[in-house]
Protein backbone atom coordinates (compact mmCIF):
# COMPACT_ATOMS: atom_id res chain seq x y z
CA MET A 1 69.83 51.26 45.34
CA THR A 2 70.69 47.69 44.40
CA ARG A 3 71.18 47.08 40.70
CA ILE A 4 69.82 43.81 39.35
CA LEU A 5 71.82 41.71 36.88
CA ILE A 6 69.76 38.90 35.36
CA THR A 7 70.91 36.16 33.01
CA SER A 8 68.86 33.43 31.40
CA ALA A 9 70.40 30.12 30.37
CA LEU A 10 71.41 30.40 26.74
CA PRO A 11 69.10 28.67 24.23
CA TYR A 12 71.06 26.36 21.97
CA ILE A 13 71.38 27.38 18.34
CA ASN A 14 70.43 24.10 16.66
CA GLY A 15 66.70 24.71 16.42
CA ILE A 16 63.57 26.45 17.61
CA LYS A 17 62.85 25.84 21.29
CA HIS A 18 59.67 24.29 22.68
CA LEU A 19 57.50 25.64 25.48
CA GLY A 20 59.41 23.61 28.08
CA ASN A 21 62.63 25.37 27.15
CA LEU A 22 60.86 28.73 27.28
CA VAL A 23 59.43 28.27 30.78
CA GLY A 24 62.66 26.75 32.11
CA SER A 25 64.64 29.99 32.00
CA GLN A 26 63.79 32.78 29.56
CA LEU A 27 60.17 33.42 30.52
CA PRO A 28 60.50 33.53 34.34
CA SER A 29 63.65 35.62 34.04
CA ASP A 30 61.67 38.09 31.93
CA VAL A 31 58.98 38.32 34.63
CA TYR A 32 61.63 39.07 37.24
CA ALA A 33 63.30 41.69 35.02
CA ARG A 34 60.00 43.44 34.30
CA PHE A 35 59.05 43.47 37.98
CA ASN A 36 62.36 44.98 39.04
CA ARG A 37 62.14 47.66 36.37
CA ALA A 38 58.60 48.47 37.55
CA MET A 39 59.97 48.86 41.08
CA GLY A 40 62.35 51.52 39.77
CA ARG A 41 65.55 49.50 39.93
CA GLU A 42 68.30 49.56 37.34
CA VAL A 43 68.26 46.23 35.51
CA MET A 44 70.61 44.52 33.08
CA PHE A 45 68.88 41.50 31.52
CA ILE A 46 71.15 39.38 29.33
CA CYS A 47 70.73 36.32 27.15
CA ALA A 48 72.35 34.97 23.97
CA THR A 49 72.40 32.05 21.60
CA ASP A 50 74.77 29.22 22.53
CA GLU A 51 76.41 28.50 19.17
CA HIS A 52 79.36 26.15 19.49
CA GLY A 53 79.75 22.39 19.59
CA THR A 54 78.86 19.37 17.49
CA PRO A 55 75.05 19.86 17.48
CA ALA A 56 75.50 23.17 15.67
CA GLU A 57 77.74 21.51 13.06
CA LEU A 58 75.26 18.69 12.52
CA ALA A 59 72.26 21.00 12.31
CA ALA A 60 74.05 23.14 9.74
CA ALA A 61 75.00 20.06 7.73
CA LYS A 62 71.35 19.00 7.53
CA THR A 63 70.45 22.33 5.96
CA GLY A 64 73.47 22.29 3.63
CA GLN A 65 74.76 25.52 5.14
CA ASP A 66 78.12 26.58 6.46
CA VAL A 67 77.92 26.42 10.26
CA ALA A 68 78.66 30.14 10.71
CA GLU A 69 75.96 31.05 8.20
CA PHE A 70 73.50 28.68 9.88
CA CYS A 71 74.19 30.19 13.32
CA THR A 72 73.70 33.72 12.02
CA GLU A 73 70.36 32.77 10.53
CA MET A 74 69.17 30.88 13.61
CA HIS A 75 70.24 33.68 15.92
CA GLU A 76 67.91 36.03 14.05
CA VAL A 77 65.10 33.45 14.20
CA GLN A 78 65.49 33.00 17.95
CA ALA A 79 65.80 36.75 18.56
CA ASN A 80 62.55 37.36 16.67
CA LEU A 81 60.75 34.62 18.59
CA ALA A 82 61.98 36.15 21.85
CA LYS A 83 60.47 39.47 20.78
CA GLY A 84 57.27 37.68 19.83
CA PHE A 85 56.97 36.36 23.38
CA GLY A 86 57.73 39.78 24.84
CA LEU A 87 61.08 38.78 26.32
CA SER A 88 62.57 42.12 27.34
CA PHE A 89 66.28 41.37 27.10
CA ASP A 90 68.54 44.40 27.30
CA TYR A 91 70.73 42.47 24.89
CA PHE A 92 70.48 39.13 23.12
CA GLY A 93 74.02 38.22 22.16
CA ARG A 94 75.92 35.40 20.48
CA SER A 95 78.49 33.10 22.03
CA SER A 96 80.41 33.19 18.73
CA SER A 97 81.01 36.94 19.15
CA PRO A 98 84.51 38.44 19.07
CA GLN A 99 83.95 39.55 22.65
CA ASN A 100 83.38 35.97 23.80
CA HIS A 101 86.37 34.71 21.82
CA ALA A 102 88.61 37.26 23.53
CA LEU A 103 87.22 36.81 27.04
CA THR A 104 87.23 32.99 26.89
CA GLN A 105 90.84 32.96 25.75
CA HIS A 106 91.76 35.54 28.38
CA LEU A 107 90.21 33.54 31.23
CA ALA A 108 91.81 30.31 30.03
CA GLY A 109 95.19 32.06 30.11
CA LYS A 110 94.58 33.32 33.66
CA LEU A 111 93.56 29.83 34.82
CA ALA A 112 96.77 28.44 33.33
CA GLU A 113 98.85 31.14 35.06
CA ASN A 114 97.25 30.15 38.36
CA GLY A 115 98.03 26.46 37.94
CA LEU A 116 94.44 25.41 37.34
CA ILE A 117 94.88 24.02 33.82
CA GLU A 118 96.52 20.66 33.20
CA GLU A 119 97.37 19.06 29.88
CA ILE A 120 96.17 15.47 29.84
CA SER A 121 96.81 12.70 27.37
CA GLU A 122 93.56 10.86 27.24
CA LYS A 123 91.77 8.23 25.30
CA GLN A 124 88.92 9.58 23.21
CA VAL A 125 86.27 7.74 21.26
CA TYR A 126 86.56 7.87 17.49
CA SER A 127 83.69 6.71 15.27
CA ASN A 128 84.88 5.02 12.11
CA ALA A 129 81.40 5.22 10.61
CA ASP A 130 81.20 8.98 11.22
CA GLY A 131 84.84 9.66 10.46
CA ARG A 132 85.31 11.88 13.51
CA TYR A 133 86.00 12.06 17.21
CA LEU A 134 82.77 11.97 19.11
CA PRO A 135 82.17 14.66 21.72
CA ASP A 136 81.03 13.26 25.05
CA ARG A 137 77.35 14.05 24.52
CA TYR A 138 77.37 12.25 21.17
CA ILE A 139 78.23 8.94 22.71
CA GLU A 140 75.35 7.09 24.29
CA GLY A 141 75.15 3.89 26.30
CA GLU A 142 74.13 2.38 29.59
CA CYS A 143 74.89 4.39 32.72
CA PRO A 144 77.18 2.39 35.04
CA ASN A 145 75.57 4.09 38.02
CA CYS A 146 71.81 3.69 37.46
CA GLY A 147 71.51 1.51 34.35
CA TYR A 148 69.71 4.15 32.23
CA ASP A 149 70.16 3.00 28.62
CA SER A 150 70.46 6.42 26.97
CA ALA A 151 73.06 8.07 29.18
CA ARG A 152 75.36 10.50 27.43
CA GLY A 153 79.12 10.46 27.63
CA ASP A 154 79.24 13.61 29.75
CA GLN A 155 76.31 13.10 32.11
CA CYS A 156 73.45 10.74 32.78
CA GLU A 157 70.22 12.71 32.46
CA ASN A 158 68.45 10.15 34.63
CA CYS A 159 70.64 10.24 37.75
CA THR A 160 72.70 13.39 36.82
CA LYS A 161 76.01 11.59 37.53
CA GLN A 162 78.98 13.14 35.75
CA LEU A 163 80.53 10.61 33.35
CA ASN A 164 83.33 10.06 30.91
CA PRO A 165 82.50 8.37 27.58
CA THR A 166 84.64 5.38 28.47
CA ASP A 167 82.45 4.81 31.54
CA LEU A 168 79.45 3.88 29.40
CA ILE A 169 78.41 0.26 28.92
CA ASN A 170 77.76 -0.77 25.29
CA PRO A 171 78.51 2.69 23.85
CA ARG A 172 77.21 3.80 20.44
CA SER A 173 77.42 6.88 18.26
CA ALA A 174 74.46 9.19 18.86
CA ILE A 175 74.98 10.51 15.31
CA SER A 176 74.82 7.28 13.33
CA GLY A 177 74.00 4.66 15.96
CA SER A 178 77.16 2.82 14.97
CA THR A 179 78.96 0.69 17.53
CA ASP A 180 82.10 0.67 15.35
CA LEU A 181 83.98 2.84 17.80
CA GLU A 182 87.60 2.84 18.78
CA VAL A 183 89.57 4.63 21.44
CA ARG A 184 92.40 6.86 20.28
CA GLU A 185 94.87 8.89 22.28
CA THR A 186 94.75 12.69 22.12
CA LYS A 187 95.72 15.63 24.34
CA HIS A 188 93.30 18.01 26.02
CA LEU A 189 93.25 20.74 28.63
CA TYR A 190 91.53 20.04 31.94
CA LEU A 191 90.23 22.54 34.46
CA LYS A 192 91.39 21.35 37.88
CA GLN A 193 88.02 21.72 39.57
CA SER A 194 88.90 19.22 42.28
CA THR A 195 91.44 21.63 43.78
CA MET A 196 88.63 24.13 44.41
CA ARG A 197 86.17 21.70 46.01
CA ASP A 198 86.45 23.14 49.53
CA LYS A 199 86.20 26.72 48.30
CA LEU A 200 83.12 25.91 46.23
CA ASP A 201 81.56 23.98 49.10
CA ALA A 202 81.98 26.93 51.46
CA TRP A 203 80.57 29.33 48.87
CA ILE A 204 77.51 27.16 48.22
CA ASN A 205 76.97 26.69 51.97
CA SER A 206 76.88 30.46 52.36
CA LYS A 207 73.85 30.67 50.02
CA LYS A 208 71.18 29.90 52.62
CA ASP A 209 68.33 31.24 50.49
CA TRP A 210 69.01 29.20 47.35
CA PRO A 211 66.24 26.83 46.20
CA ILE A 212 66.61 23.27 47.47
CA LEU A 213 66.67 22.07 43.85
CA THR A 214 69.76 24.19 43.14
CA THR A 215 71.76 23.30 46.23
CA SER A 216 70.88 19.61 46.21
CA ILE A 217 72.19 19.18 42.65
CA ALA A 218 75.36 21.16 43.43
CA LYS A 219 76.02 19.15 46.59
CA LYS A 220 75.45 15.89 44.77
CA TRP A 221 78.13 16.75 42.23
CA LEU A 222 80.47 17.95 44.95
CA HIS A 223 80.24 14.95 47.25
CA ASP A 224 78.79 11.86 45.56
CA GLY A 225 81.24 9.11 44.70
CA ASP A 226 84.68 10.58 44.12
CA GLY A 227 83.27 14.10 44.41
CA LEU A 228 84.03 16.98 42.07
CA ARG A 229 86.22 15.86 39.22
CA ASP A 230 88.53 17.78 36.92
CA ARG A 231 86.84 18.69 33.68
CA GLY A 232 88.08 18.69 30.08
CA ILE A 233 87.65 22.14 28.53
CA THR A 234 88.85 21.47 24.97
CA ARG A 235 87.56 19.41 22.06
CA ASP A 236 88.72 18.13 18.67
CA LEU A 237 86.29 20.17 16.57
CA ASP A 238 86.45 22.72 13.77
CA TRP A 239 83.69 25.03 15.04
CA GLY A 240 84.32 26.92 18.26
CA ILE A 241 86.70 29.30 19.98
CA PRO A 242 90.31 28.39 19.13
CA VAL A 243 92.41 27.33 22.11
CA LYS A 244 94.75 30.18 23.01
CA ARG A 245 96.32 31.65 26.15
CA GLY A 246 95.02 35.18 25.80
CA ASP A 247 96.43 36.36 22.46
CA ALA A 248 99.18 33.73 22.36
CA ASP A 249 99.04 30.31 20.72
CA TRP A 250 98.82 27.33 23.07
CA GLU A 251 101.53 24.90 22.11
CA GLY A 252 100.20 21.42 21.43
CA MET A 253 96.58 22.62 21.20
CA GLU A 254 96.62 23.63 17.55
CA GLY A 255 93.36 22.81 15.75
CA LYS A 256 91.39 22.40 18.97
CA VAL A 257 88.60 24.55 20.34
CA PHE A 258 87.27 25.23 23.81
CA TYR A 259 84.46 23.00 25.01
CA VAL A 260 81.09 24.64 24.51
CA TRP A 261 80.30 24.37 28.22
CA PHE A 262 83.45 26.31 29.04
CA ASP A 263 82.74 29.25 26.77
CA ALA A 264 78.92 29.41 26.99
CA PRO A 265 78.61 30.85 30.55
CA ILE A 266 81.42 33.29 29.81
CA GLU A 267 79.08 34.70 27.16
CA TYR A 268 76.95 36.21 29.93
CA ILE A 269 79.81 38.64 30.52
CA ALA A 270 80.73 38.91 26.86
CA ALA A 271 77.14 39.65 25.82
CA THR A 272 77.12 42.59 28.22
CA ALA A 273 80.27 43.80 26.49
CA GLU A 274 78.42 43.33 23.16
CA TRP A 275 75.59 45.46 24.58
CA ALA A 276 78.01 48.24 25.48
CA GLU A 277 79.61 48.25 22.03
CA ALA A 278 76.23 48.16 20.27
CA ASN A 279 75.20 51.25 22.25
CA GLY A 280 78.41 53.16 21.65
CA LEU A 281 79.57 52.84 25.27
CA ASP A 282 83.05 52.16 26.57
CA ALA A 283 84.21 49.20 28.65
CA SER A 284 83.26 50.83 31.95
CA ALA A 285 79.58 50.51 31.00
CA TRP A 286 79.68 46.70 31.16
CA GLU A 287 82.45 46.36 33.73
CA ARG A 288 80.29 48.11 36.36
CA TRP A 289 78.00 45.07 36.16
CA TRP A 290 80.68 42.40 36.25
CA ARG A 291 83.84 43.67 37.96
CA THR A 292 83.76 44.26 41.69
CA ASP A 293 86.75 46.61 41.29
CA LYS A 294 84.77 48.67 38.77
CA GLY A 295 81.55 49.23 40.71
CA ALA A 296 79.74 45.86 40.74
CA THR A 297 79.70 45.58 44.53
CA ASP A 298 76.11 46.88 44.64
CA VAL A 299 74.89 44.42 41.99
CA LYS A 300 72.56 41.54 42.83
CA TYR A 301 73.20 38.84 40.22
CA VAL A 302 70.42 36.31 39.57
CA GLN A 303 70.65 33.39 37.13
CA PHE A 304 67.69 31.42 35.71
CA MET A 305 68.01 27.89 34.29
CA GLY A 306 66.64 24.39 34.02
CA LYS A 307 67.90 21.84 36.52
CA ASP A 308 70.13 20.15 33.94
CA ASN A 309 72.24 23.34 33.76
CA VAL A 310 72.76 23.67 37.50
CA PRO A 311 76.07 21.73 37.81
CA PHE A 312 77.82 23.95 35.29
CA HIS A 313 76.58 27.16 36.94
CA THR A 314 77.22 26.16 40.55
CA LEU A 315 80.59 24.49 39.94
CA SER A 316 82.31 24.81 36.56
CA PHE A 317 81.60 28.47 35.79
CA PRO A 318 82.37 29.61 39.35
CA CYS A 319 85.63 27.61 39.10
CA THR A 320 86.49 29.60 35.99
CA ILE A 321 85.87 33.06 37.39
CA MET A 322 87.12 32.32 40.92
CA GLY A 323 90.17 30.55 39.54
CA SER A 324 91.08 33.48 37.29
CA GLY A 325 92.08 35.43 40.39
CA GLU A 326 90.32 38.47 38.97
CA PRO A 327 87.51 40.40 40.68
CA TRP A 328 84.55 39.07 38.72
CA LYS A 329 81.04 39.23 40.13
CA LEU A 330 79.77 35.84 41.35
CA VAL A 331 76.12 34.87 41.17
CA ASP A 332 74.03 35.72 44.24
CA TYR A 333 70.97 33.57 43.52
CA ILE A 334 70.28 30.70 41.13
CA LYS A 335 66.63 30.05 40.32
CA SER A 336 66.41 26.57 38.83
CA PHE A 337 63.39 24.77 37.41
CA ASN A 338 62.21 21.23 36.90
CA TYR A 339 60.82 20.04 33.55
CA LEU A 340 57.62 20.78 31.71
CA ASN A 341 56.20 17.61 30.16
CA TYR A 342 53.72 17.48 27.32
CA ASP A 343 50.28 15.87 27.46
CA GLY A 344 51.22 12.57 29.10
CA GLY A 345 54.74 12.36 27.69
CA GLN A 346 57.66 14.51 26.64
CA PHE A 347 58.24 17.17 24.02
CA SER A 348 59.96 15.66 20.99
CA THR A 349 61.39 17.55 18.04
CA SER A 350 62.00 14.39 16.03
CA LYS A 351 58.44 13.14 16.53
CA GLY A 352 56.76 16.52 16.10
CA ARG A 353 55.28 16.16 19.57
CA GLY A 354 54.43 19.29 21.52
CA VAL A 355 54.22 22.99 20.77
CA PHE A 356 57.29 24.96 19.78
CA MET A 357 57.68 28.72 20.12
CA ASN A 358 56.99 29.60 16.49
CA GLN A 359 53.93 27.36 16.37
CA ALA A 360 52.56 28.80 19.61
CA LEU A 361 52.69 32.35 18.25
CA ASP A 362 50.94 31.24 15.05
CA LEU A 363 48.09 29.80 17.13
CA LEU A 364 47.35 32.40 19.80
CA PRO A 365 48.70 35.69 21.21
CA SER A 366 51.77 35.38 23.41
CA ASP A 367 49.95 36.44 26.59
CA TYR A 368 47.82 33.28 26.49
CA TRP A 369 50.96 31.15 26.56
CA ARG A 370 52.81 33.36 29.04
CA TRP A 371 49.97 33.22 31.55
CA TRP A 372 49.49 29.45 31.38
CA LEU A 373 53.21 28.71 31.53
CA LEU A 374 53.82 31.06 34.44
CA THR A 375 50.86 29.76 36.45
CA HIS A 376 52.25 26.24 35.94
CA VAL A 377 55.98 26.97 36.08
CA PRO A 378 57.76 23.80 37.32
CA GLU A 379 59.28 25.23 40.48
CA SER A 380 58.91 22.48 43.08
CA SER A 381 58.29 19.54 40.74
CA ASP A 382 57.76 18.74 37.08
CA SER A 383 54.65 20.22 35.45
CA GLU A 384 52.57 18.92 32.59
CA PHE A 385 50.95 20.79 29.74
CA THR A 386 47.53 19.49 28.75
CA TRP A 387 45.18 21.13 26.30
CA GLU A 388 42.23 20.82 28.67
CA ASN A 389 44.09 22.65 31.42
CA PHE A 390 45.38 25.27 29.00
CA GLN A 391 41.86 25.96 27.73
CA ALA A 392 40.42 26.12 31.25
CA THR A 393 43.12 28.47 32.56
CA VAL A 394 42.88 30.88 29.63
CA ASN A 395 39.09 30.93 29.63
CA LYS A 396 38.66 31.24 33.39
CA ASP A 397 41.50 33.56 34.40
CA LEU A 398 42.05 35.73 31.35
CA ALA A 399 38.65 35.80 29.65
CA ASP A 400 36.17 35.38 32.52
CA VAL A 401 38.00 37.31 35.25
CA LEU A 402 40.31 39.99 33.84
CA GLY A 403 38.94 40.42 30.34
CA ASN A 404 35.33 40.33 31.48
CA PHE A 405 35.94 42.96 34.15
CA VAL A 406 37.55 45.43 31.74
CA SER A 407 34.95 44.90 29.03
CA ARG A 408 31.98 45.03 31.36
CA ILE A 409 32.81 48.28 33.14
CA THR A 410 34.08 50.22 30.11
CA LYS A 411 31.08 49.28 28.00
CA PHE A 412 28.64 50.13 30.78
CA CYS A 413 30.29 53.49 31.34
CA ARG A 414 30.17 54.28 27.63
CA ALA A 415 26.49 53.40 27.49
CA LYS A 416 25.43 55.46 30.54
CA PHE A 417 28.07 58.19 31.00
CA GLY A 418 30.04 58.32 27.75
CA GLU A 419 33.73 57.58 27.23
CA GLU A 420 35.02 59.52 30.19
CA VAL A 421 35.29 58.87 33.91
CA PRO A 422 32.01 60.01 35.49
CA ALA A 423 31.68 62.51 38.34
CA GLY A 424 29.29 62.19 41.27
CA GLY A 425 28.83 60.17 44.42
CA GLU A 426 31.39 59.17 47.04
CA TYR A 427 33.28 56.02 47.92
CA GLY A 428 32.01 54.04 50.88
CA ALA A 429 32.55 50.85 52.85
CA ALA A 430 32.51 48.57 49.80
CA GLU A 431 35.30 50.51 48.12
CA GLN A 432 37.34 50.65 51.33
CA ALA A 433 37.01 46.88 51.65
CA VAL A 434 38.40 46.43 48.13
CA ILE A 435 41.29 48.80 48.90
CA ALA A 436 42.09 46.83 52.06
CA GLU A 437 41.90 43.50 50.22
CA ILE A 438 44.16 44.64 47.38
CA THR A 439 46.61 46.30 49.80
CA LYS A 440 47.00 42.99 51.65
CA ARG A 441 47.37 40.97 48.48
CA LEU A 442 49.73 43.48 46.88
CA LYS A 443 52.13 43.07 49.79
CA ALA A 444 52.02 39.30 49.39
CA TYR A 445 52.40 39.62 45.61
CA GLU A 446 55.49 41.82 45.97
CA GLY A 447 56.95 39.45 48.53
CA HIS A 448 56.58 36.48 46.21
CA MET A 449 58.08 38.42 43.31
CA GLU A 450 61.08 39.48 45.39
CA ALA A 451 61.57 35.83 46.40
CA ILE A 452 61.03 34.69 42.78
CA GLU A 453 58.11 32.49 43.75
CA ILE A 454 56.40 32.73 40.41
CA ARG A 455 53.41 30.47 40.99
CA LYS A 456 52.53 32.10 44.29
CA ALA A 457 52.77 35.53 42.66
CA THR A 458 50.33 34.52 39.91
CA ALA A 459 47.87 33.27 42.53
CA GLU A 460 47.92 36.66 44.29
CA LEU A 461 47.60 38.53 40.99
CA ARG A 462 44.61 36.41 40.01
CA ALA A 463 43.02 37.12 43.40
CA ILE A 464 43.55 40.87 42.90
CA TRP A 465 41.71 40.64 39.56
CA ALA A 466 38.93 38.63 41.20
CA ALA A 467 38.48 41.28 43.91
CA GLY A 468 37.42 43.78 41.25
CA ASN A 469 35.05 41.35 39.60
CA GLU A 470 33.41 40.46 42.89
CA TYR A 471 33.09 44.12 43.83
CA LEU A 472 31.47 45.02 40.52
CA GLN A 473 29.06 42.11 40.71
CA ALA A 474 27.98 43.01 44.25
CA ALA A 475 27.80 46.78 43.64
CA ALA A 476 25.70 46.26 40.46
CA PRO A 477 25.88 49.84 39.08
CA TRP A 478 23.58 48.83 36.20
CA THR A 479 20.78 48.34 38.75
CA LEU A 480 21.67 51.29 40.98
CA PHE A 481 21.80 53.64 38.00
CA LYS A 482 18.02 53.46 37.70
CA THR A 483 17.46 54.99 41.14
CA ASP A 484 20.72 56.74 42.07
CA PRO A 485 22.87 57.76 39.09
CA ASP A 486 25.44 59.53 41.31
CA ALA A 487 26.03 56.43 43.42
CA ALA A 488 26.37 54.39 40.23
CA ALA A 489 28.87 56.95 38.92
CA ALA A 490 31.08 56.50 42.00
CA ILE A 491 31.09 52.73 41.51
CA VAL A 492 32.00 53.13 37.84
CA ARG A 493 34.74 55.64 38.65
CA PHE A 494 36.24 53.30 41.23
CA ALA A 495 36.07 50.30 38.89
CA LEU A 496 37.62 52.21 35.98
CA ASN A 497 40.52 53.15 38.25
CA LEU A 498 41.12 49.47 38.92
CA ILE A 499 42.03 48.96 35.24
CA PRO A 500 45.38 50.88 35.23
CA LEU A 501 46.22 49.29 38.58
CA TYR A 502 45.57 45.85 37.12
CA ALA A 503 47.61 46.73 34.03
CA THR A 504 50.59 47.81 36.12
CA LEU A 505 50.57 44.72 38.32
CA SER A 506 49.94 42.39 35.37
CA GLU A 507 52.64 43.79 33.08
CA PRO A 508 55.39 41.35 34.17
CA PHE A 509 53.16 38.41 33.21
CA ILE A 510 50.96 39.59 30.32
CA PRO A 511 52.71 42.67 28.90
CA ASP A 512 50.68 43.04 25.70
CA ALA A 513 47.35 42.98 27.53
CA ALA A 514 48.73 45.40 30.11
CA ALA A 515 49.79 47.82 27.37
CA ASN A 516 46.33 47.57 25.76
CA MET A 517 44.64 48.36 29.08
CA LEU A 518 46.85 51.39 29.69
CA ASP A 519 46.31 52.65 26.13
CA ALA A 520 42.54 52.26 26.47
CA MET A 521 42.54 54.17 29.76
CA ASN A 522 44.84 56.83 28.32
CA THR A 523 47.38 56.59 31.13
CA LYS A 524 50.77 55.13 32.06
CA ALA A 525 51.94 52.46 34.49
CA ASN A 526 52.93 53.61 37.96
CA TRP A 527 53.71 50.97 40.57
CA PRO A 528 51.43 51.57 43.57
CA THR A 529 52.90 52.42 46.96
CA ASP A 530 49.46 53.44 48.25
CA VAL A 531 46.50 51.53 46.79
CA ALA A 532 43.98 54.19 47.78
CA LYS A 533 45.96 56.87 45.92
CA ALA A 534 46.48 54.55 42.96
CA LEU A 535 42.70 54.12 42.72
CA ASP A 536 42.29 57.87 42.38
CA THR A 537 44.55 58.12 39.32
CA LEU A 538 41.81 58.77 36.76
CA PRO A 539 39.82 61.86 37.75
CA ALA A 540 36.29 62.65 36.68
CA GLY A 541 36.28 63.78 33.08
CA HIS A 542 39.33 61.67 32.11
CA ALA A 543 38.77 60.28 28.62
CA PHE A 544 39.17 56.60 27.74
CA THR A 545 38.25 54.20 24.97
CA VAL A 546 36.59 50.81 25.16
CA PRO A 547 39.22 48.20 24.23
CA ASP A 548 38.56 45.38 21.83
CA VAL A 549 37.92 41.93 23.28
CA MET A 550 41.05 41.31 25.30
CA PHE A 551 40.93 37.52 25.46
CA ALA A 552 38.81 35.36 23.17
CA LYS A 553 37.80 32.08 24.72
CA ILE A 554 39.23 28.84 23.39
CA THR A 555 36.40 26.65 22.13
CA ASP A 556 36.25 22.89 22.59
CA ASP A 557 36.60 22.40 18.84
CA ALA A 558 39.70 24.60 18.69
CA ARG A 559 41.18 22.77 21.64
CA ASP A 560 40.58 19.35 20.06
CA GLU A 561 42.06 20.50 16.77
CA MET A 562 45.24 21.79 18.41
CA GLN A 563 45.60 18.68 20.53
CA ALA A 564 45.39 16.43 17.46
CA ARG A 565 47.76 18.61 15.47
CA PHE A 566 50.56 18.50 18.04
CA ALA A 567 50.19 14.92 19.24
CA GLY A 568 53.13 13.83 17.08
CA GLN A 569 53.88 10.43 15.61
CA ASN A 570 53.50 7.21 17.58
CA THR A 571 56.56 5.66 15.99
């Protein structure tokens, strides 16, 4: 049986993430992990906080904390928020871990042994106002390619062209805004990506099933302009992984650290090593996921990320692990996402615009957010969060369809038959029609989940819920009970058996509600291979309880209040 290795792009440590960050990697990867576990597959689901680089130093400085102390605190905050949203990571690591230090330094040494590291004397921008060298992303200016006026020194977010800081027109410090910049000479290590262009091109071409978004970005970086360029992998910073060749010092690189984008993807592997150590396991436990000479040949590796992370995962990270000459597992499938915008604009931390993960959990249960985000996940194009759409989706799908079905049938059964599945009557054509409908939709649902087509999967799941509602409305056991109690009992028994089926199929998307349904019906999840058998799980006499209201509707007043609260400042 294929084992499934899943990694989500690492959330950066400098602050709490907004809903766009959540739906761009962590949330859909959780859905995929939960589905594969439900199918009986062995899953390793890994994420971590990305802790190095200038933004971490600056965020710590704002709080008056030492950067290591700040990162420890923020890691705990982000881990707790992940739990609050039901993200079922097998391990949530830290890129500042000893394991990542050791592995990053080891891989750098292997790359150097294989002639893929070059020491370059380069000119780097120094800000006199800030008293420091500026990392690429902390220099802003006009993109020479498309004219975007807020391009960063490493990449233009508008046209995605890879840049050097000295390429920018009218550069300024993104920290202070100062234009008092000067260019100084310094030495850095470069990963010779250009020498692996053909190998990378052939590898990417072999991935026929990758999303167009993923391959188009990778190809653009490979072939546009001068094509794939060598990439600096060190920086003049205090906070980060010290530059070493394995355990040995790297002459001339004293006081430098590895670039955050070099060490961050390596943390996927290192976090799995952290998982093994935390569980008292030896190295073979994590190596069987990552080393093809240690058993990883039967692993399917799937990465989830926003489109801005695609170049590093299709080019730079593969360069690192291919170039090491060691038998590391390469990614099999990269699921990339577009952006989620907010109510006619963009999320903005500085302007307090949009909903962030901690705020969302203070407002409503996580399943409300999970369901809306996953039904609007930006797969083929950007999506937009609006409060009107959020209210309508929650009220219609969760409250009116699923919640109403569960409440209606359990309360009716309690009133007429007590809190146990009633005996009597037989299933007929109406029940067989529902079984046939769900069987057809279940196959489509599973197909979309295997293909990681999240939106299409939610549409099938919603239709499966609706089939039960429509059946119950047409069968009308409350009317039939007056003249034929046994026939009504059969309808109720069939409808009650839909609840654990719905819980099982819904668990990847709304895990808390699924758990509540299973608890109320006094049963466990069991992925259906035969819908007819699945709908005979609860026999006559099986006890259940009527659950509390599963989904409270969002009122117009509540919607308006939340919309005003998170509109942000106009300045």
